[in-house]
Amino acid sequence: MIATWFQAPTAEFIARSRKAWEAGMTALHATFGTSIDVAGGRAIAMTKTSIMQRAEVHGCLVDVICYGRFWDALERWDGRWVFRLRQPIYELDHMIPVVPSRAPDLDPTLLASFPEGYRNLAYLQTQLGFEVTKSMPGTRGPEIEALMERGRAWLAGGTADP
């Protein structure tokens, strides 16, 4: 599982997510329509998603909503489909103060240091003490192009992991 704040095998990701939840982190994920390309015993699924996170930023409670897709590489293994990799694609996001008259005063340099598709989410997560990666794929650019090429190669039977 890959995310802005942590990348790890499934069991470790679940344990770390549970620990964050128990420490008070609030995040919700909603999923929508899915498209799937299948080639033999391999598949690439893309599912529209929104990631919502609530936290304080500079003393103001905010909600960040990030829209994108989950890019999932699946493989048929022992007669069932299993996830090999989940890679979020971050398309756009925004930060909304929970109390409209109390918007946080954001550091424009820090905000601009993150990719457009998840800059508000990354800003919030840095305020929670997470080290956020700046190389996640978005709508355009070399990261999304490389991810799509990896998917094409893997579906075509390439030997590299997705």
Foldseek 3Di string as FASTA:
>chain_A
DDDFFDDDPDVVVVVVVVVVVVVPWDKDKDWDDKDWDAAVFKIWIKIKMKMWTWDDDQNFIKIKIWTWIWIWIWGQDPNDIDTLDTATAQEAMDIATPPNVDDDDDDVVQLVVADHRCSVVCNVVVVVVTDTDRQGHYDDDDSVVVVVVVVVCVSVPDPDRD
